[in-house]
Amino acid sequence: MNRPLLDRTVEFEFEQLTVRERLACPGGTGAAAATAARQAWEVPGTAGLTVHLSFGDVSGRYHLDQLTTDLVVHTWDLAQGIGKDTRLPGDLVDFTPDRFAGYGDLSGSGLFDPPLPVPEDASPQTRLPALTGRRGG
């Protein structure tokens, strides 16, 4: 699915999460997809279930981490793109880099630029976008 954003087209794919039954995405809208995903994660024990994604089966915990990481990075993208404050809550900034470490080198996927160098004493807020090849902030 493509959506225009700030004179650019952003491609994304929403995978439905199977918990105990398949969740429908009425109307196919992003808001409906977000609601369905949130409702699925509110079911106790979801993190221990298997989630079926386009690239294979993963644990619910892995998928939740992946979704959280994706939302954190794209929240930064949106703030940067519209000229707003890119500082994010510290607990999310601290959580996200650890998840990227488990994914390996993502620059070969074409979805991320290679990580950018940062000073040794750079703050987590500076390190996070640089980890995915993003500049600014």
C-alpha atoms as a PDB file:
ATOM      1  CA  MET A   1       0.000   0.000   0.000  1.00  0.00           C
ATOM      2  CA  ASN A   2       1.365   3.449  -0.859  1.00  0.00           C
ATOM      3  CA  ARG A   3       0.552   6.652   0.980  1.00  0.00           C
ATOM      4  CA  PRO A   4       1.767  10.137   0.014  1.00  0.00           C
ATOM      5  CA  LEU A   5       3.653  11.905   2.802  1.00  0.00           C
ATOM      6  CA  LEU A   6       5.353  15.277   2.444  1.00  0.00           C
ATOM      7  CA  ASP A   7       5.650  15.012  -1.369  1.00  0.00           C
ATOM      8  CA  ARG A   8       7.061  11.499  -1.115  1.00  0.00           C
ATOM      9  CA  THR A   9       5.471   8.101  -1.356  1.00  0.00           C
ATOM     10  CA  VAL A  10       5.918   5.790   1.580  1.00  0.00           C
ATOM     11  CA  GLU A  11       5.377   2.076   0.985  1.00  0.00           C
ATOM     12  CA  PHE A  12       4.266  -0.140   3.800  1.00  0.00           C
ATOM     13  CA  GLU A  13       2.763  -3.542   4.291  1.00  0.00           C
ATOM     14  CA  PHE A  14       0.452  -4.418   7.169  1.00  0.00           C
ATOM     15  CA  GLU A  15       0.476  -8.036   8.218  1.00  0.00           C
ATOM     16  CA  GLN A  16      -2.600  -9.127  10.127  1.00  0.00           C
ATOM     17  CA  LEU A  17      -1.835 -10.724  13.445  1.00  0.00           C
ATOM     18  CA  THR A  18      -3.508 -14.044  14.162  1.00  0.00           C
ATOM     19  CA  VAL A  19      -4.211 -14.375  17.878  1.00  0.00           C
ATOM     20  CA  ARG A  20      -7.067 -16.829  18.398  1.00  0.00           C
ATOM     21  CA  GLU A  21      -8.950 -15.716  15.349  1.00  0.00           C
ATOM     22  CA  ARG A  22      -8.075 -13.663  12.315  1.00  0.00           C
ATOM     23  CA  LEU A  23      -8.613  -9.931  12.826  1.00  0.00           C
ATOM     24  CA  ALA A  24     -10.278  -8.152   9.961  1.00  0.00           C
ATOM     25  CA  CYS A  25      -9.194  -4.688   8.951  1.00  0.00           C
ATOM     26  CA  PRO A  26     -12.518  -3.000   8.049  1.00  0.00           C
ATOM     27  CA  GLY A  27     -12.113  -0.606   5.175  1.00  0.00           C
ATOM     28  CA  GLY A  28      -8.402  -1.313   4.926  1.00  0.00           C
ATOM     29  CA  THR A  29      -7.474   1.997   6.526  1.00  0.00           C
ATOM     30  CA  GLY A  30      -4.351   2.633   8.539  1.00  0.00           C
ATOM     31  CA  ALA A  31      -6.468   3.607  11.539  1.00  0.00           C
ATOM     32  CA  ALA A  32      -8.389   0.339  11.361  1.00  0.00           C
ATOM     33  CA  ALA A  33      -5.148  -1.623  11.039  1.00  0.00           C
ATOM     34  CA  ALA A  34      -3.683   0.159  14.058  1.00  0.00           C
ATOM     35  CA  THR A  35      -6.823  -0.521  16.087  1.00  0.00           C
ATOM     36  CA  ALA A  36      -6.806  -4.211  15.131  1.00  0.00           C
ATOM     37  CA  ALA A  37      -3.128  -4.553  16.050  1.00  0.00           C
ATOM     38  CA  ARG A  38      -3.598  -2.784  19.387  1.00  0.00           C
ATOM     39  CA  GLN A  39      -6.587  -4.970  20.242  1.00  0.00           C
ATOM     40  CA  ALA A  40      -4.595  -8.088  19.391  1.00  0.00           C
ATOM     41  CA  TRP A  41      -1.788  -7.050  21.751  1.00  0.00           C
ATOM     42  CA  GLU A  42      -4.264  -6.448  24.569  1.00  0.00           C
ATOM     43  CA  VAL A  43      -5.085 -10.182  24.673  1.00  0.00           C
ATOM     44  CA  PRO A  44      -3.179 -11.758  27.610  1.00  0.00           C
ATOM     45  CA  GLY A  45      -0.410 -14.093  26.462  1.00  0.00           C
ATOM     46  CA  THR A  46      -0.108 -12.646  22.957  1.00  0.00           C
ATOM     47  CA  ALA A  47       3.648 -12.165  23.298  1.00  0.00           C
ATOM     48  CA  GLY A  48       4.059 -15.926  23.638  1.00  0.00           C
ATOM     49  CA  LEU A  49       2.134 -16.790  20.468  1.00  0.00           C
ATOM     50  CA  THR A  50       3.441 -17.267  16.941  1.00  0.00           C
ATOM     51  CA  VAL A  51       2.885 -14.427  14.479  1.00  0.00           C
ATOM     52  CA  HIS A  52       2.765 -15.174  10.752  1.00  0.00           C
ATOM     53  CA  LEU A  53       4.562 -12.494   8.710  1.00  0.00           C
ATOM     54  CA  SER A  54       5.483 -12.239   5.042  1.00  0.00           C
ATOM     55  CA  PHE A  55       9.046 -13.393   5.775  1.00  0.00           C
ATOM     56  CA  GLY A  56       8.114 -16.251   8.111  1.00  0.00           C
ATOM     57  CA  ASP A  57       6.850 -17.077  11.571  1.00  0.00           C
ATOM     58  CA  VAL A  58       8.172 -15.170  14.580  1.00  0.00           C
ATOM     59  CA  SER A  59       7.315 -14.997  18.248  1.00  0.00           C
ATOM     60  CA  GLY A  60       4.768 -12.471  19.382  1.00  0.00           C
ATOM     61  CA  ARG A  61       7.460 -10.853  21.542  1.00  0.00           C
ATOM     62  CA  TYR A  62       9.754 -10.397  18.520  1.00  0.00           C
ATOM     63  CA  HIS A  63       6.917  -8.896  16.498  1.00  0.00           C
ATOM     64  CA  LEU A  64       5.899  -6.521  19.290  1.00  0.00           C
ATOM     65  CA  ASP A  65       9.518  -5.374  19.601  1.00  0.00           C
ATOM     66  CA  GLN A  66       9.665  -4.903  15.827  1.00  0.00           C
ATOM     67  CA  LEU A  67       6.442  -2.867  15.755  1.00  0.00           C
ATOM     68  CA  THR A  68       7.601  -0.699  18.654  1.00  0.00           C
ATOM     69  CA  THR A  69      10.973  -0.087  17.008  1.00  0.00           C
ATOM     70  CA  ASP A  70       9.260   0.787  13.733  1.00  0.00           C
ATOM     71  CA  LEU A  71       6.930   3.265  15.427  1.00  0.00           C
ATOM     72  CA  VAL A  72       9.781   4.922  17.341  1.00  0.00           C
ATOM     73  CA  VAL A  73      11.923   5.378  14.228  1.00  0.00           C
ATOM     74  CA  HIS A  74       9.043   6.652  12.105  1.00  0.00           C
ATOM     75  CA  THR A  75       7.895   9.017  14.858  1.00  0.00           C
ATOM     76  CA  TRP A  76      11.383  10.528  14.627  1.00  0.00           C
ATOM     77  CA  ASP A  77      11.059  10.624  10.800  1.00  0.00           C
ATOM     78  CA  LEU A  78       7.752  12.450  10.932  1.00  0.00           C
ATOM     79  CA  ALA A  79       8.952  14.999  13.496  1.00  0.00           C
ATOM     80  CA  GLN A  80      12.106  15.615  11.445  1.00  0.00           C
ATOM     81  CA  GLY A  81      10.107  15.905   8.216  1.00  0.00           C
ATOM     82  CA  ILE A  82       7.712  18.523   9.553  1.00  0.00           C
ATOM     83  CA  GLY A  83      10.347  20.465  11.451  1.00  0.00           C
ATOM     84  CA  LYS A  84       9.219  19.549  14.966  1.00  0.00           C
ATOM     85  CA  ASP A  85      11.186  18.486  18.032  1.00  0.00           C
ATOM     86  CA  THR A  86      12.667  15.041  17.357  1.00  0.00           C
ATOM     87  CA  ARG A  87      13.382  14.212  20.995  1.00  0.00           C
ATOM     88  CA  LEU A  88      11.578  11.038  21.990  1.00  0.00           C
ATOM     89  CA  PRO A  89      10.783   9.551  25.419  1.00  0.00           C
ATOM     90  CA  GLY A  90      13.971   8.217  26.985  1.00  0.00           C
ATOM     91  CA  ASP A  91      12.637   4.722  27.653  1.00  0.00           C
ATOM     92  CA  LEU A  92      11.787   4.265  23.965  1.00  0.00           C
ATOM     93  CA  VAL A  93      15.118   5.696  22.845  1.00  0.00           C
ATOM     94  CA  ASP A  94      16.915   3.301  25.203  1.00  0.00           C
ATOM     95  CA  PHE A  95      14.800   0.320  24.074  1.00  0.00           C
ATOM     96  CA  THR A  96      15.170   0.710  20.312  1.00  0.00           C
ATOM     97  CA  PRO A  97      18.941   0.360  19.636  1.00  0.00           C
ATOM     98  CA  ASP A  98      19.032  -2.998  21.406  1.00  0.00           C
ATOM     99  CA  ARG A  99      16.393  -4.273  18.972  1.00  0.00           C
ATOM    100  CA  PHE A 100      18.410  -3.135  15.953  1.00  0.00           C
ATOM    101  CA  ALA A 101      21.450  -5.010  17.235  1.00  0.00           C
ATOM    102  CA  GLY A 102      19.470  -8.234  16.891  1.00  0.00           C
ATOM    103  CA  TYR A 103      18.535  -7.535  13.270  1.00  0.00           C
ATOM    104  CA  GLY A 104      22.116  -7.469  11.957  1.00  0.00           C
ATOM    105  CA  ASP A 105      23.252  -5.171   9.129  1.00  0.00           C
ATOM    106  CA  LEU A 106      20.063  -3.694   7.711  1.00  0.00           C
ATOM    107  CA  SER A 107      21.737  -1.489   5.109  1.00  0.00           C
ATOM    108  CA  GLY A 108      21.864  -4.409   2.663  1.00  0.00           C
ATOM    109  CA  SER A 109      18.060  -4.631   2.707  1.00  0.00           C
ATOM    110  CA  GLY A 110      17.671  -1.338   0.872  1.00  0.00           C
ATOM    111  CA  LEU A 111      15.378  -0.121   3.640  1.00  0.00           C
ATOM    112  CA  PHE A 112      18.104   1.571   5.681  1.00  0.00           C
ATOM    113  CA  ASP A 113      21.243   3.505   4.929  1.00  0.00           C
ATOM    114  CA  PRO A 114      24.410   2.330   6.665  1.00  0.00           C
ATOM    115  CA  PRO A 115      24.764   3.590  10.245  1.00  0.00           C
ATOM    116  CA  LEU A 116      26.359   7.014  10.558  1.00  0.00           C
ATOM    117  CA  PRO A 117      29.321   7.648  12.850  1.00  0.00           C
ATOM    118  CA  VAL A 118      28.587   9.583  16.020  1.00  0.00           C
ATOM    119  CA  PRO A 119      30.914  10.945  18.691  1.00  0.00           C
ATOM    120  CA  GLU A 120      31.688   8.521  21.491  1.00  0.00           C
ATOM    121  CA  ASP A 121      29.902  10.771  23.973  1.00  0.00           C
ATOM    122  CA  ALA A 122      26.792  11.238  21.782  1.00  0.00           C
ATOM    123  CA  SER A 123      23.456  11.081  23.561  1.00  0.00           C
ATOM    124  CA  PRO A 124      21.020   8.233  22.916  1.00  0.00           C
ATOM    125  CA  GLN A 125      18.802  10.780  21.128  1.00  0.00           C
ATOM    126  CA  THR A 126      21.671  11.394  18.669  1.00  0.00           C
ATOM    127  CA  ARG A 127      22.639   7.737  18.342  1.00  0.00           C
ATOM    128  CA  LEU A 128      19.160   6.459  17.484  1.00  0.00           C
ATOM    129  CA  PRO A 129      18.664   8.140  14.090  1.00  0.00           C
ATOM    130  CA  ALA A 130      22.329   7.609  13.176  1.00  0.00           C
ATOM    131  CA  LEU A 131      21.904   3.879  13.764  1.00  0.00           C
ATOM    132  CA  THR A 132      19.538   3.736  10.785  1.00  0.00           C
ATOM    133  CA  GLY A 133      21.482   6.169   8.607  1.00  0.00           C
ATOM    134  CA  ARG A 134      19.271   9.143   9.367  1.00  0.00           C
ATOM    135  CA  ARG A 135      20.719  12.635   9.611  1.00  0.00           C
ATOM    136  CA  GLY A 136      19.509  15.594  11.588  1.00  0.00           C
ATOM    137  CA  GLY A 137      17.613  15.973  14.786  1.00  0.00           C
END
